[in-house]
C-alpha atoms as a PDB file:
ATOM      1  CA  UNK A   1       3.293 206.497 157.954  1.00  0.00           C
ATOM      2  CA  UNK A   2      -0.189 205.191 158.868  1.00  0.00           C
ATOM      3  CA  UNK A   3       1.158 201.910 160.159  1.00  0.00           C
ATOM      4  CA  UNK A   4       3.703 203.635 162.253  1.00  0.00           C
ATOM      5  CA  UNK A   5       1.048 205.959 163.734  1.00  0.00           C
ATOM      6  CA  UNK A   6      -1.143 202.960 164.532  1.00  0.00           C
ATOM      7  CA  UNK A   7       1.813 201.225 166.364  1.00  0.00           C
ATOM      8  CA  UNK A   8       2.596 204.439 168.192  1.00  0.00           C
ATOM      9  CA  UNK A   9      -1.043 204.860 169.333  1.00  0.00           C
ATOM     10  CA  UNK A  10      -1.156 201.142 170.402  1.00  0.00           C
ATOM     11  CA  UNK A  11       1.905 201.616 172.662  1.00  0.00           C
ATOM     12  CA  UNK A  12       0.142 204.497 174.292  1.00  0.00           C
ATOM     13  CA  UNK A  13      -3.057 202.581 174.729  1.00  0.00           C
ATOM     14  CA  UNK A  14      -1.126 199.585 176.175  1.00  0.00           C
ATOM     15  CA  UNK A  15       0.377 201.763 178.860  1.00  0.00           C
ATOM     16  CA  UNK A  16      -3.086 202.523 180.129  1.00  0.00           C
ATOM     17  CA  UNK A  17      -4.880 199.207 179.653  1.00  0.00           C
ATOM     18  CA  UNK A  18      -2.212 196.660 180.424  1.00  0.00           C
ATOM     19  CA  UNK A  19      -2.536 194.921 177.080  1.00  0.00           C
ATOM     20  CA  UNK A  20       0.388 193.765 175.037  1.00  0.00           C
ATOM     21  CA  UNK A  21       1.064 196.375 172.255  1.00  0.00           C
ATOM     22  CA  UNK A  22       0.079 193.868 169.619  1.00  0.00           C
ATOM     23  CA  UNK A  23      -3.268 193.332 171.417  1.00  0.00           C
ATOM     24  CA  UNK A  24      -3.720 197.043 171.749  1.00  0.00           C
ATOM     25  CA  UNK A  25      -3.121 197.562 168.042  1.00  0.00           C
ATOM     26  CA  UNK A  26      -6.000 195.152 167.194  1.00  0.00           C
ATOM     27  CA  UNK A  27      -8.183 197.664 168.982  1.00  0.00           C
ATOM     28  CA  UNK A  28      -6.998 200.850 167.537  1.00  0.00           C
ATOM     29  CA  UNK A  29      -9.837 202.742 165.549  1.00  0.00           C
ATOM     30  CA  UNK A  30      -9.677 203.345 161.834  1.00  0.00           C
ATOM     31  CA  UNK A  31      -8.945 207.081 162.592  1.00  0.00           C
ATOM     32  CA  UNK A  32      -5.991 205.896 164.599  1.00  0.00           C
ATOM     33  CA  UNK A  33      -7.596 206.976 167.969  1.00  0.00           C
ATOM     34  CA  UNK A  34      -7.297 204.814 171.104  1.00  0.00           C
ATOM     35  CA  UNK A  35     -10.455 202.874 170.155  1.00  0.00           C
ATOM     36  CA  UNK A  36     -11.741 201.689 173.522  1.00  0.00           C
ATOM     37  CA  UNK A  37     -15.159 202.943 172.546  1.00  0.00           C
ATOM     38  CA  UNK A  38     -15.067 202.685 168.815  1.00  0.00           C
ATOM     39  CA  UNK A  39     -17.137 199.536 168.029  1.00  0.00           C
ATOM     40  CA  UNK A  40     -20.223 198.141 166.503  1.00  0.00           C
ATOM     41  CA  UNK A  41     -23.502 198.685 168.124  1.00  0.00           C
ATOM     42  CA  UNK A  42     -23.746 195.111 169.167  1.00  0.00           C
ATOM     43  CA  UNK A  43     -20.501 195.536 171.084  1.00  0.00           C
ATOM     44  CA  UNK A  44     -21.826 198.532 172.989  1.00  0.00           C
ATOM     45  CA  UNK A  45     -24.962 196.454 173.925  1.00  0.00           C
ATOM     46  CA  UNK A  46     -22.894 193.513 175.174  1.00  0.00           C
ATOM     47  CA  UNK A  47     -20.487 195.716 177.075  1.00  0.00           C
ATOM     48  CA  UNK A  48     -23.258 197.584 178.796  1.00  0.00           C
ATOM     49  CA  UNK A  49     -24.940 194.225 179.654  1.00  0.00           C
ATOM     50  CA  UNK A  50     -21.647 192.978 181.133  1.00  0.00           C
ATOM     51  CA  UNK A  51     -21.332 196.248 183.192  1.00  0.00           C
ATOM     52  CA  UNK A  52     -24.865 195.720 184.560  1.00  0.00           C
ATOM     53  CA  UNK A  53     -24.057 192.146 185.567  1.00  0.00           C
ATOM     54  CA  UNK A  54     -20.602 192.962 186.947  1.00  0.00           C
ATOM     55  CA  UNK A  55     -21.641 196.014 188.922  1.00  0.00           C
ATOM     56  CA  UNK A  56     -24.676 194.490 190.704  1.00  0.00           C
ATOM     57  CA  UNK A  57     -23.723 192.331 193.558  1.00  0.00           C
ATOM     58  CA  UNK A  58     -25.277 191.213 196.823  1.00  0.00           C
ATOM     59  CA  UNK A  59     -28.701 192.674 196.309  1.00  0.00           C
ATOM     60  CA  UNK A  60     -31.913 191.797 194.468  1.00  0.00           C
ATOM     61  CA  UNK A  61     -30.839 188.509 193.100  1.00  0.00           C
ATOM     62  CA  UNK A  62     -34.050 188.339 191.056  1.00  0.00           C
ATOM     63  CA  UNK A  63     -32.373 190.982 188.809  1.00  0.00           C
ATOM     64  CA  UNK A  64     -28.966 191.212 187.197  1.00  0.00           C
ATOM     65  CA  UNK A  65     -27.177 190.511 190.448  1.00  0.00           C
ATOM     66  CA  UNK A  66     -28.558 186.925 189.983  1.00  0.00           C
ATOM     67  CA  UNK A  67     -26.282 186.446 187.015  1.00  0.00           C
ATOM     68  CA  UNK A  68     -23.316 186.438 189.538  1.00  0.00           C
ATOM     69  CA  UNK A  69     -21.035 188.139 187.128  1.00  0.00           C
ATOM     70  CA  UNK A  70     -19.603 190.186 190.090  1.00  0.00           C
ATOM     71  CA  UNK A  71     -17.555 187.156 190.866  1.00  0.00           C
ATOM     72  CA  UNK A  72     -15.356 187.901 187.956  1.00  0.00           C
ATOM     73  CA  UNK A  73     -13.322 190.281 189.968  1.00  0.00           C
ATOM     74  CA  UNK A  74     -11.872 187.388 191.861  1.00  0.00           C
ATOM     75  CA  UNK A  75      -9.842 186.704 188.668  1.00  0.00           C
ATOM     76  CA  UNK A  76      -7.222 188.864 186.983  1.00  0.00           C
ATOM     77  CA  UNK A  77      -8.048 189.510 183.317  1.00  0.00           C
ATOM     78  CA  UNK A  78      -7.182 192.185 180.875  1.00  0.00           C
ATOM     79  CA  UNK A  79     -10.031 193.928 178.910  1.00  0.00           C
ATOM     80  CA  UNK A  80      -8.981 194.374 175.278  1.00  0.00           C
ATOM     81  CA  UNK A  81     -11.919 196.007 173.384  1.00  0.00           C
ATOM     82  CA  UNK A  82     -12.010 195.748 169.558  1.00  0.00           C
ATOM     83  CA  UNK A  83     -14.324 197.091 166.856  1.00  0.00           C
ATOM     84  CA  UNK A  84     -16.026 193.745 166.199  1.00  0.00           C
ATOM     85  CA  UNK A  85     -15.415 191.758 169.422  1.00  0.00           C
ATOM     86  CA  UNK A  86     -14.417 192.045 173.074  1.00  0.00           C
ATOM     87  CA  UNK A  87     -11.311 190.074 174.222  1.00  0.00           C
ATOM     88  CA  UNK A  88     -10.679 189.114 177.847  1.00  0.00           C
ATOM     89  CA  UNK A  89      -7.113 187.926 178.239  1.00  0.00           C
ATOM     90  CA  UNK A  90      -6.370 185.998 181.316  1.00  0.00           C
ATOM     91  CA  UNK A  91      -4.194 183.135 182.811  1.00  0.00           C
ATOM     92  CA  UNK A  92      -7.405 181.409 183.935  1.00  0.00           C
ATOM     93  CA  UNK A  93      -9.568 181.338 180.811  1.00  0.00           C
ATOM     94  CA  UNK A  94     -11.566 178.213 182.023  1.00  0.00           C
ATOM     95  CA  UNK A  95     -12.584 180.090 185.183  1.00  0.00           C
ATOM     96  CA  UNK A  96     -13.608 183.268 183.511  1.00  0.00           C
ATOM     97  CA  UNK A  97     -15.518 181.559 180.697  1.00  0.00           C
ATOM     98  CA  UNK A  98     -17.368 179.292 183.049  1.00  0.00           C
ATOM     99  CA  UNK A  99     -18.508 182.370 184.976  1.00  0.00           C
ATOM    100  CA  UNK A 100     -19.753 183.949 181.891  1.00  0.00           C
ATOM    101  CA  UNK A 101     -21.316 180.930 180.092  1.00  0.00           C
ATOM    102  CA  UNK A 102     -24.725 179.317 180.913  1.00  0.00           C
ATOM    103  CA  UNK A 103     -25.109 175.663 181.727  1.00  0.00           C
ATOM    104  CA  UNK A 104     -28.266 173.902 180.537  1.00  0.00           C
ATOM    105  CA  UNK A 105     -29.836 173.716 184.043  1.00  0.00           C
ATOM    106  CA  UNK A 106     -27.982 176.820 185.457  1.00  0.00           C
ATOM    107  CA  UNK A 107     -29.308 180.163 186.427  1.00  0.00           C
ATOM    108  CA  UNK A 108     -26.019 182.139 186.465  1.00  0.00           C
ATOM    109  CA  UNK A 109     -23.887 183.629 183.645  1.00  0.00           C
ATOM    110  CA  UNK A 110     -24.853 186.167 181.051  1.00  0.00           C
ATOM    111  CA  UNK A 111     -28.334 185.420 179.695  1.00  0.00           C
ATOM    112  CA  UNK A 112     -28.205 184.396 176.081  1.00  0.00           C
ATOM    113  CA  UNK A 113     -24.415 183.895 175.833  1.00  0.00           C
ATOM    114  CA  UNK A 114     -23.352 180.763 174.201  1.00  0.00           C
ATOM    115  CA  UNK A 115     -20.047 178.979 173.284  1.00  0.00           C
ATOM    116  CA  UNK A 116     -19.358 179.192 169.607  1.00  0.00           C
ATOM    117  CA  UNK A 117     -16.118 177.188 169.715  1.00  0.00           C
ATOM    118  CA  UNK A 118     -13.557 176.015 172.130  1.00  0.00           C
ATOM    119  CA  UNK A 119      -9.885 175.539 171.230  1.00  0.00           C
ATOM    120  CA  UNK A 120      -6.996 173.754 172.834  1.00  0.00           C
ATOM    121  CA  UNK A 121      -4.825 175.882 175.059  1.00  0.00           C
ATOM    122  CA  UNK A 122      -7.780 177.625 176.622  1.00  0.00           C
ATOM    123  CA  UNK A 123      -9.457 179.833 174.049  1.00  0.00           C
ATOM    124  CA  UNK A 124     -13.193 180.354 174.083  1.00  0.00           C
ATOM    125  CA  UNK A 125     -15.104 182.042 171.311  1.00  0.00           C
ATOM    126  CA  UNK A 126     -18.648 183.057 172.517  1.00  0.00           C
ATOM    127  CA  UNK A 127     -21.702 184.545 170.826  1.00  0.00           C
ATOM    128  CA  UNK A 128     -24.517 186.418 172.582  1.00  0.00           C
ATOM    129  CA  UNK A 129     -27.614 185.259 170.790  1.00  0.00           C
ATOM    130  CA  UNK A 130     -29.875 188.393 171.427  1.00  0.00           C
ATOM    131  CA  UNK A 131     -27.213 190.930 170.205  1.00  0.00           C
ATOM    132  CA  UNK A 132     -24.902 188.672 168.067  1.00  0.00           C
ATOM    133  CA  UNK A 133     -21.930 190.288 169.744  1.00  0.00           C
ATOM    134  CA  UNK A 134     -18.811 188.130 170.163  1.00  0.00           C
ATOM    135  CA  UNK A 135     -16.625 187.657 173.250  1.00  0.00           C
ATOM    136  CA  UNK A 136     -13.245 185.998 173.180  1.00  0.00           C
ATOM    137  CA  UNK A 137     -11.792 184.626 176.391  1.00  0.00           C
ATOM    138  CA  UNK A 138      -8.136 183.469 175.889  1.00  0.00           C
ATOM    139  CA  UNK A 139      -4.721 182.966 177.416  1.00  0.00           C
ATOM    140  CA  UNK A 140      -3.154 184.218 174.316  1.00  0.00           C
ATOM    141  CA  UNK A 141      -1.707 187.721 175.177  1.00  0.00           C
ATOM    142  CA  UNK A 142      -2.538 188.994 171.780  1.00  0.00           C
ATOM    143  CA  UNK A 143      -6.258 188.433 172.453  1.00  0.00           C
ATOM    144  CA  UNK A 144      -6.837 186.028 169.462  1.00  0.00           C
ATOM    145  CA  UNK A 145      -8.169 182.523 169.947  1.00  0.00           C
ATOM    146  CA  UNK A 146      -5.494 179.990 169.223  1.00  0.00           C
ATOM    147  CA  UNK A 147      -5.126 176.231 169.001  1.00  0.00           C
ATOM    148  CA  UNK A 148      -7.245 173.542 167.302  1.00  0.00           C
ATOM    149  CA  UNK A 149     -11.059 173.238 167.767  1.00  0.00           C
ATOM    150  CA  UNK A 150     -12.076 170.636 170.431  1.00  0.00           C
ATOM    151  CA  UNK A 151     -14.811 169.680 172.761  1.00  0.00           C
ATOM    152  CA  UNK A 152     -15.066 171.863 175.907  1.00  0.00           C
ATOM    153  CA  UNK A 153     -14.391 170.481 179.263  1.00  0.00           C
ATOM    154  CA  UNK A 154     -17.715 171.795 180.715  1.00  0.00           C
ATOM    155  CA  UNK A 155     -21.347 171.170 179.800  1.00  0.00           C
ATOM    156  CA  UNK A 156     -22.060 174.879 178.858  1.00  0.00           C
ATOM    157  CA  UNK A 157     -24.648 175.665 176.234  1.00  0.00           C
ATOM    158  CA  UNK A 158     -23.605 176.169 172.657  1.00  0.00           C
ATOM    159  CA  UNK A 159     -24.932 178.241 169.804  1.00  0.00           C
ATOM    160  CA  UNK A 160     -27.011 175.266 168.884  1.00  0.00           C
ATOM    161  CA  UNK A 161     -29.162 175.939 171.968  1.00  0.00           C
ATOM    162  CA  UNK A 162     -31.726 178.727 171.350  1.00  0.00           C
ATOM    163  CA  UNK A 163     -32.290 181.336 174.073  1.00  0.00           C
ATOM    164  CA  UNK A 164     -34.546 180.034 176.815  1.00  0.00           C
ATOM    165  CA  UNK A 165     -37.706 181.638 178.276  1.00  0.00           C
ATOM    166  CA  UNK A 166     -35.952 182.024 181.604  1.00  0.00           C
ATOM    167  CA  UNK A 167     -33.177 184.041 179.878  1.00  0.00           C
ATOM    168  CA  UNK A 168     -35.657 186.237 178.070  1.00  0.00           C
ATOM    169  CA  UNK A 169     -37.366 186.940 181.408  1.00  0.00           C
ATOM    170  CA  UNK A 170     -34.013 187.796 182.897  1.00  0.00           C
ATOM    171  CA  UNK A 171     -33.042 190.208 180.042  1.00  0.00           C
ATOM    172  CA  UNK A 172     -36.533 191.742 180.244  1.00  0.00           C
ATOM    173  CA  UNK A 173     -35.516 193.009 183.794  1.00  0.00           C
ATOM    174  CA  UNK A 174     -32.758 195.150 182.255  1.00  0.00           C
ATOM    175  CA  UNK A 175     -34.059 198.708 182.036  1.00  0.00           C
ATOM    176  CA  UNK A 176     -34.151 200.627 178.777  1.00  0.00           C
ATOM    177  CA  UNK A 177     -31.021 202.842 178.062  1.00  0.00           C
ATOM    178  CA  UNK A 178     -30.291 205.519 175.507  1.00  0.00           C
ATOM    179  CA  UNK A 179     -27.340 204.995 173.102  1.00  0.00           C
ATOM    180  CA  UNK A 180     -25.333 207.596 175.101  1.00  0.00           C
ATOM    181  CA  UNK A 181     -26.117 205.806 178.382  1.00  0.00           C
ATOM    182  CA  UNK A 182     -25.186 202.584 176.782  1.00  0.00           C
ATOM    183  CA  UNK A 183     -21.853 203.993 175.706  1.00  0.00           C
ATOM    184  CA  UNK A 184     -21.195 205.183 179.402  1.00  0.00           C
ATOM    185  CA  UNK A 185     -21.906 201.796 180.900  1.00  0.00           C
ATOM    186  CA  UNK A 186     -19.965 200.044 178.104  1.00  0.00           C
ATOM    187  CA  UNK A 187     -17.024 202.330 178.941  1.00  0.00           C
ATOM    188  CA  UNK A 188     -17.059 201.368 182.590  1.00  0.00           C
ATOM    189  CA  UNK A 189     -16.633 197.714 181.873  1.00  0.00           C
ATOM    190  CA  UNK A 190     -13.949 198.527 179.060  1.00  0.00           C
ATOM    191  CA  UNK A 191     -11.863 200.308 181.717  1.00  0.00           C
ATOM    192  CA  UNK A 192     -12.243 198.068 184.782  1.00  0.00           C
ATOM    193  CA  UNK A 193      -8.395 197.383 184.708  1.00  0.00           C
ATOM    194  CA  UNK A 194      -7.225 200.825 183.362  1.00  0.00           C
ATOM    195  CA  UNK A 195      -4.667 202.802 185.128  1.00  0.00           C
ATOM    196  CA  UNK A 196      -2.731 206.010 184.520  1.00  0.00           C
ATOM    197  CA  UNK A 197       0.943 205.216 183.629  1.00  0.00           C
ATOM    198  CA  UNK A 198       1.905 208.359 185.556  1.00  0.00           C
ATOM    199  CA  UNK A 199       0.389 207.026 188.835  1.00  0.00           C
ATOM    200  CA  UNK A 200      -2.476 209.458 189.454  1.00  0.00           C
ATOM    201  CA  UNK A 201      -5.398 207.018 189.147  1.00  0.00           C
ATOM    202  CA  UNK A 202      -6.159 203.301 188.880  1.00  0.00           C
ATOM    203  CA  UNK A 203      -9.380 201.153 188.688  1.00  0.00           C
ATOM    204  CA  UNK A 204      -7.785 197.871 189.888  1.00  0.00           C
ATOM    205  CA  UNK A 205     -10.432 195.550 188.531  1.00  0.00           C
ATOM    206  CA  UNK A 206     -12.763 196.784 191.233  1.00  0.00           C
ATOM    207  CA  UNK A 207     -11.020 194.819 194.033  1.00  0.00           C
ATOM    208  CA  UNK A 208      -7.747 196.552 194.997  1.00  0.00           C
ATOM    209  CA  UNK A 209      -5.790 199.822 194.657  1.00  0.00           C
ATOM    210  CA  UNK A 210      -2.749 199.228 192.389  1.00  0.00           C
ATOM    211  CA  UNK A 211      -1.193 202.588 193.687  1.00  0.00           C
ATOM    212  CA  UNK A 212      -1.409 201.345 197.310  1.00  0.00           C
ATOM    213  CA  UNK A 213      -2.437 204.718 198.489  1.00  0.00           C
ATOM    214  CA  UNK A 214      -2.577 205.307 202.330  1.00  0.00           C
ATOM    215  CA  UNK A 215      -5.928 205.075 204.066  1.00  0.00           C
ATOM    216  CA  UNK A 216      -7.454 202.448 201.824  1.00  0.00           C
ATOM    217  CA  UNK A 217      -5.454 199.400 202.694  1.00  0.00           C
ATOM    218  CA  UNK A 218      -6.421 199.778 206.257  1.00  0.00           C
ATOM    219  CA  UNK A 219     -10.137 200.443 205.502  1.00  0.00           C
ATOM    220  CA  UNK A 220     -12.201 197.487 206.914  1.00  0.00           C
ATOM    221  CA  UNK A 221     -14.581 197.481 203.942  1.00  0.00           C
ATOM    222  CA  UNK A 222     -14.478 194.378 201.830  1.00  0.00           C
ATOM    223  CA  UNK A 223     -13.911 194.522 198.015  1.00  0.00           C
ATOM    224  CA  UNK A 224     -16.880 192.204 197.750  1.00  0.00           C
ATOM    225  CA  UNK A 225     -19.398 194.412 199.470  1.00  0.00           C
ATOM    226  CA  UNK A 226     -22.711 195.084 197.764  1.00  0.00           C
ATOM    227  CA  UNK A 227     -22.765 197.327 194.681  1.00  0.00           C
ATOM    228  CA  UNK A 228     -25.544 198.359 192.594  1.00  0.00           C
ATOM    229  CA  UNK A 229     -25.823 199.797 189.023  1.00  0.00           C
ATOM    230  CA  UNK A 230     -29.433 201.031 188.311  1.00  0.00           C
ATOM    231  CA  UNK A 231     -31.439 203.538 186.290  1.00  0.00           C
ATOM    232  CA  UNK A 232     -33.277 203.842 183.035  1.00  0.00           C
ATOM    233  CA  UNK A 233     -33.077 205.675 179.736  1.00  0.00           C
ATOM    234  CA  UNK A 234     -30.408 208.445 180.108  1.00  0.00           C
ATOM    235  CA  UNK A 235     -30.172 208.607 183.940  1.00  0.00           C
ATOM    236  CA  UNK A 236     -28.065 205.872 185.801  1.00  0.00           C
ATOM    237  CA  UNK A 237     -26.554 205.605 189.204  1.00  0.00           C
ATOM    238  CA  UNK A 238     -23.632 203.446 190.412  1.00  0.00           C
ATOM    239  CA  UNK A 239     -23.428 202.756 194.164  1.00  0.00           C
ATOM    240  CA  UNK A 240     -20.463 200.831 195.716  1.00  0.00           C
ATOM    241  CA  UNK A 241     -18.405 200.696 198.991  1.00  0.00           C
ATOM    242  CA  UNK A 242     -15.088 199.357 198.143  1.00  0.00           C
ATOM    243  CA  UNK A 243     -12.660 199.980 195.295  1.00  0.00           C
ATOM    244  CA  UNK A 244     -12.032 202.048 193.056  1.00  0.00           C
ATOM    245  CA  UNK A 245     -11.881 205.714 194.321  1.00  0.00           C
ATOM    246  CA  UNK A 246     -14.883 207.578 192.633  1.00  0.00           C
ATOM    247  CA  UNK A 247     -12.390 210.257 191.382  1.00  0.00           C
ATOM    248  CA  UNK A 248     -10.240 207.498 189.704  1.00  0.00           C
ATOM    249  CA  UNK A 249     -13.357 206.127 187.928  1.00  0.00           C
ATOM    250  CA  UNK A 250     -14.502 209.533 186.748  1.00  0.00           C
ATOM    251  CA  UNK A 251     -11.010 210.368 185.547  1.00  0.00           C
ATOM    252  CA  UNK A 252     -10.634 207.131 183.663  1.00  0.00           C
ATOM    253  CA  UNK A 253     -13.902 207.761 181.871  1.00  0.00           C
ATOM    254  CA  UNK A 254     -13.013 211.455 180.871  1.00  0.00           C
ATOM    255  CA  UNK A 255      -9.169 211.181 180.605  1.00  0.00           C
ATOM    256  CA  UNK A 256      -7.818 213.077 177.540  1.00  0.00           C
ATOM    257  CA  UNK A 257      -6.073 209.994 176.352  1.00  0.00           C
ATOM    258  CA  UNK A 258      -8.280 206.928 177.222  1.00  0.00           C
ATOM    259  CA  UNK A 259     -11.539 208.513 178.181  1.00  0.00           C
ATOM    260  CA  UNK A 260     -14.856 208.341 176.382  1.00  0.00           C
ATOM    261  CA  UNK A 261     -14.829 211.056 173.611  1.00  0.00           C
ATOM    262  CA  UNK A 262     -17.189 213.714 174.703  1.00  0.00           C
ATOM    263  CA  UNK A 263     -17.582 212.580 178.221  1.00  0.00           C
ATOM    264  CA  UNK A 264     -17.421 215.157 181.078  1.00  0.00           C
ATOM    265  CA  UNK A 265     -17.266 215.082 184.889  1.00  0.00           C
ATOM    266  CA  UNK A 266     -19.687 217.208 186.922  1.00  0.00           C
ATOM    267  CA  UNK A 267     -19.052 217.672 190.662  1.00  0.00           C
ATOM    268  CA  UNK A 268     -21.944 218.876 192.828  1.00  0.00           C
ATOM    269  CA  UNK A 269     -22.541 218.660 196.662  1.00  0.00           C
ATOM    270  CA  UNK A 270     -19.543 216.176 196.946  1.00  0.00           C
ATOM    271  CA  UNK A 271     -20.913 213.745 194.340  1.00  0.00           C
ATOM    272  CA  UNK A 272     -19.509 213.166 190.924  1.00  0.00           C
ATOM    273  CA  UNK A 273     -21.538 212.539 187.718  1.00  0.00           C
ATOM    274  CA  UNK A 274     -20.109 211.476 184.401  1.00  0.00           C
ATOM    275  CA  UNK A 275     -22.142 212.909 181.455  1.00  0.00           C
ATOM    276  CA  UNK A 276     -22.194 212.075 177.743  1.00  0.00           C
ATOM    277  CA  UNK A 277     -24.595 214.216 175.752  1.00  0.00           C
ATOM    278  CA  UNK A 278     -27.889 213.972 177.520  1.00  0.00           C
ATOM    279  CA  UNK A 279     -26.929 210.828 179.520  1.00  0.00           C
ATOM    280  CA  UNK A 280     -25.696 210.948 182.996  1.00  0.00           C
ATOM    281  CA  UNK A 281     -24.024 208.284 185.367  1.00  0.00           C
ATOM    282  CA  UNK A 282     -24.147 209.367 188.981  1.00  0.00           C
ATOM    283  CA  UNK A 283     -21.395 207.885 191.190  1.00  0.00           C
ATOM    284  CA  UNK A 284     -22.314 207.196 194.855  1.00  0.00           C
ATOM    285  CA  UNK A 285     -19.299 205.699 196.662  1.00  0.00           C
ATOM    286  CA  UNK A 286     -19.721 204.949 200.306  1.00  0.00           C
ATOM    287  CA  UNK A 287     -15.868 205.020 200.424  1.00  0.00           C
ATOM    288  CA  UNK A 288     -15.369 208.447 199.076  1.00  0.00           C
END
């Protein structure tokens, strides 16, 4: 019975995340819940950092926008969160991995992220030195690294290279956050490709509307307009001008099936705020 229940939950999760059922099953929590947010503390940390890098674009390149992770939404990938790692499943693993990883003389990519191993067929296993969190980028639809170990094509830094002073300085610009705020930010990244199988909301990897609703396709705003995620401790604010709908993001984060357990949406004066315990993420969409 437990195995059947796990498979049934995985099928439901896959409908929302776009994962293959086998990939979704690898992320189901021990209590057989959806598991998008059930993970080790290092995974909450790395996912929150990825959100900060991904959701800062076009402004203040001395901060996380300078990591240039926002360019990831030029690629199609499926986020597959698991308890001990984060898998990014894509047909272009070389492109995605090279945007995430640092080169010896480079200034872009996630500070402190290193290549742990590369495998034939396009699987990258990465380790974030400050948090010890693992990220896997792979073409394998199950989300597991496959193939034999070999030398990577690029000159990215490996786990043999300690974190640099420049990377420490960059990470020092990231404001403090409470555990609940960290969970909220991590939850945004884990859901960047989520969509309701009943067609009421969709995130669209932050660059398009999968539901093709009227009014947005004709909007002149570019999906690559500036966006900003900023705040400190338990108060954060996300500003953007393109996709997705703010209501879609709020619903994805609080959905009864795939939302963050305990997260709530508060609406006031036309603005939406997602709360979790004492933490709040205020949504400021110029396209609302």
